[in-house]
Amino acid sequence: MKLMTTEKAVRLIELNNTLVIEIDRRASRTQIKKDFEEMFNVKVDSINILIRKNKKLAYVKLNEKNPAIDIATKVGMI
């Protein structure tokens, strides 16, 4: 898992409480959700997947109680 640090990714963190991560092409939604919740001890509301240019991106929307900005600062993104 690798957190994306583009302008759009930062805007999604601030506005939608959503993190954008680059993941392995073979990973499923349930596996991503389980791993993300265990790794950061948060509640995930939904996951959207985008495959572009041979990369798989997961848009992970967190619960309101868990701000995405906290996780971004924890991993050193912001």
C-alpha atoms as a PDB file:
ATOM      1  CA  MET A   1       0.000   0.000   0.000  1.00  0.00           C
ATOM      2  CA  LYS A   2       1.250   3.424  -0.950  1.00  0.00           C
ATOM      3  CA  LEU A   3      -0.581   6.679  -0.168  1.00  0.00           C
ATOM      4  CA  MET A   4      -0.950   9.016  -3.149  1.00  0.00           C
ATOM      5  CA  THR A   5       0.219  12.605  -2.622  1.00  0.00           C
ATOM      6  CA  THR A   6      -1.274  14.387  -5.636  1.00  0.00           C
ATOM      7  CA  GLU A   7      -3.277  17.607  -5.408  1.00  0.00           C
ATOM      8  CA  LYS A   8      -6.491  15.692  -5.996  1.00  0.00           C
ATOM      9  CA  ALA A   9      -5.645  13.210  -3.235  1.00  0.00           C
ATOM     10  CA  VAL A  10      -5.023  16.009  -0.731  1.00  0.00           C
ATOM     11  CA  ARG A  11      -8.279  17.721  -1.746  1.00  0.00           C
ATOM     12  CA  LEU A  12     -10.182  14.456  -1.232  1.00  0.00           C
ATOM     13  CA  ILE A  13      -8.675  14.119   2.243  1.00  0.00           C
ATOM     14  CA  GLU A  14      -9.841  17.600   3.204  1.00  0.00           C
ATOM     15  CA  LEU A  15     -13.289  17.579   1.579  1.00  0.00           C
ATOM     16  CA  ASN A  16     -14.504  13.955   1.510  1.00  0.00           C
ATOM     17  CA  ASN A  17     -12.519  12.263   4.299  1.00  0.00           C
ATOM     18  CA  THR A  18     -11.127   9.917   1.619  1.00  0.00           C
ATOM     19  CA  LEU A  19      -7.625   8.510   1.205  1.00  0.00           C
ATOM     20  CA  VAL A  20      -6.234   7.429  -2.171  1.00  0.00           C
ATOM     21  CA  ILE A  21      -3.857   4.476  -2.040  1.00  0.00           C
ATOM     22  CA  GLU A  22      -2.041   2.519  -4.717  1.00  0.00           C
ATOM     23  CA  ILE A  23      -2.484  -1.203  -4.138  1.00  0.00           C
ATOM     24  CA  ASP A  24      -1.614  -4.569  -5.612  1.00  0.00           C
ATOM     25  CA  ARG A  25      -3.664  -5.475  -8.688  1.00  0.00           C
ATOM     26  CA  ARG A  26      -4.714  -8.798  -7.141  1.00  0.00           C
ATOM     27  CA  ALA A  27      -6.166  -7.290  -3.937  1.00  0.00           C
ATOM     28  CA  SER A  28      -9.935  -7.446  -3.444  1.00  0.00           C
ATOM     29  CA  ARG A  29     -12.169  -4.851  -1.795  1.00  0.00           C
ATOM     30  CA  THR A  30     -12.760  -6.964   1.301  1.00  0.00           C
ATOM     31  CA  GLN A  31      -9.053  -7.652   1.688  1.00  0.00           C
ATOM     32  CA  ILE A  32      -8.215  -3.946   1.309  1.00  0.00           C
ATOM     33  CA  LYS A  33     -10.878  -2.958   3.848  1.00  0.00           C
ATOM     34  CA  LYS A  34      -9.744  -5.564   6.374  1.00  0.00           C
ATOM     35  CA  ASP A  35      -6.056  -4.666   6.031  1.00  0.00           C
ATOM     36  CA  PHE A  36      -6.693  -0.922   6.199  1.00  0.00           C
ATOM     37  CA  GLU A  37      -8.910  -1.184   9.284  1.00  0.00           C
ATOM     38  CA  GLU A  38      -6.367  -3.370  11.089  1.00  0.00           C
ATOM     39  CA  MET A  39      -3.374  -1.265  10.092  1.00  0.00           C
ATOM     40  CA  PHE A  40      -4.758   2.130  11.146  1.00  0.00           C
ATOM     41  CA  ASN A  41      -7.463   1.074  13.650  1.00  0.00           C
ATOM     42  CA  VAL A  42     -10.225   3.003  11.836  1.00  0.00           C
ATOM     43  CA  LYS A  43     -13.681   2.274  10.400  1.00  0.00           C
ATOM     44  CA  VAL A  44     -13.954   2.253   6.587  1.00  0.00           C
ATOM     45  CA  ASP A  45     -17.320   3.272   5.100  1.00  0.00           C
ATOM     46  CA  SER A  46     -16.679   2.433   1.438  1.00  0.00           C
ATOM     47  CA  ILE A  47     -14.003   1.594  -1.110  1.00  0.00           C
ATOM     48  CA  ASN A  48     -14.007   2.509  -4.789  1.00  0.00           C
ATOM     49  CA  ILE A  49     -11.482   0.964  -7.175  1.00  0.00           C
ATOM     50  CA  LEU A  50      -9.905   2.556 -10.252  1.00  0.00           C
ATOM     51  CA  ILE A  51      -7.551   0.735 -12.616  1.00  0.00           C
ATOM     52  CA  ARG A  52      -5.577   3.082 -14.844  1.00  0.00           C
ATOM     53  CA  LYS A  53      -2.227   2.774 -16.608  1.00  0.00           C
ATOM     54  CA  ASN A  54      -1.651  -0.681 -15.127  1.00  0.00           C
ATOM     55  CA  LYS A  55      -2.062   0.658 -11.569  1.00  0.00           C
ATOM     56  CA  LYS A  56      -4.888  -0.078  -9.173  1.00  0.00           C
ATOM     57  CA  LEU A  57      -6.016   2.810  -6.979  1.00  0.00           C
ATOM     58  CA  ALA A  58      -8.380   2.458  -4.047  1.00  0.00           C
ATOM     59  CA  TYR A  59     -10.406   5.422  -2.824  1.00  0.00           C
ATOM     60  CA  VAL A  60     -10.979   4.608   0.852  1.00  0.00           C
ATOM     61  CA  LYS A  61     -13.743   6.680   2.462  1.00  0.00           C
ATOM     62  CA  LEU A  62     -13.434   6.697   6.231  1.00  0.00           C
ATOM     63  CA  ASN A  63     -16.127   7.024   8.857  1.00  0.00           C
ATOM     64  CA  GLU A  64     -16.840  10.549  10.154  1.00  0.00           C
ATOM     65  CA  LYS A  65     -15.373   9.607  13.536  1.00  0.00           C
ATOM     66  CA  ASN A  66     -11.974   8.905  11.956  1.00  0.00           C
ATOM     67  CA  PRO A  67     -10.523  11.972  10.167  1.00  0.00           C
ATOM     68  CA  ALA A  68      -8.419  11.072   7.134  1.00  0.00           C
ATOM     69  CA  ILE A  69      -6.114  14.015   7.866  1.00  0.00           C
ATOM     70  CA  ASP A  70      -4.979  12.258  11.065  1.00  0.00           C
ATOM     71  CA  ILE A  71      -3.876   9.165   9.141  1.00  0.00           C
ATOM     72  CA  ALA A  72      -2.172  11.296   6.483  1.00  0.00           C
ATOM     73  CA  THR A  73      -0.119  13.098   9.119  1.00  0.00           C
ATOM     74  CA  LYS A  74       0.613   9.818  10.908  1.00  0.00           C
ATOM     75  CA  VAL A  75       2.262   8.351   7.794  1.00  0.00           C
ATOM     76  CA  GLY A  76       4.015  11.619   6.931  1.00  0.00           C
ATOM     77  CA  MET A  77       2.007  12.573   3.864  1.00  0.00           C
ATOM     78  CA  ILE A  78       1.069  16.027   5.159  1.00  0.00           C
END
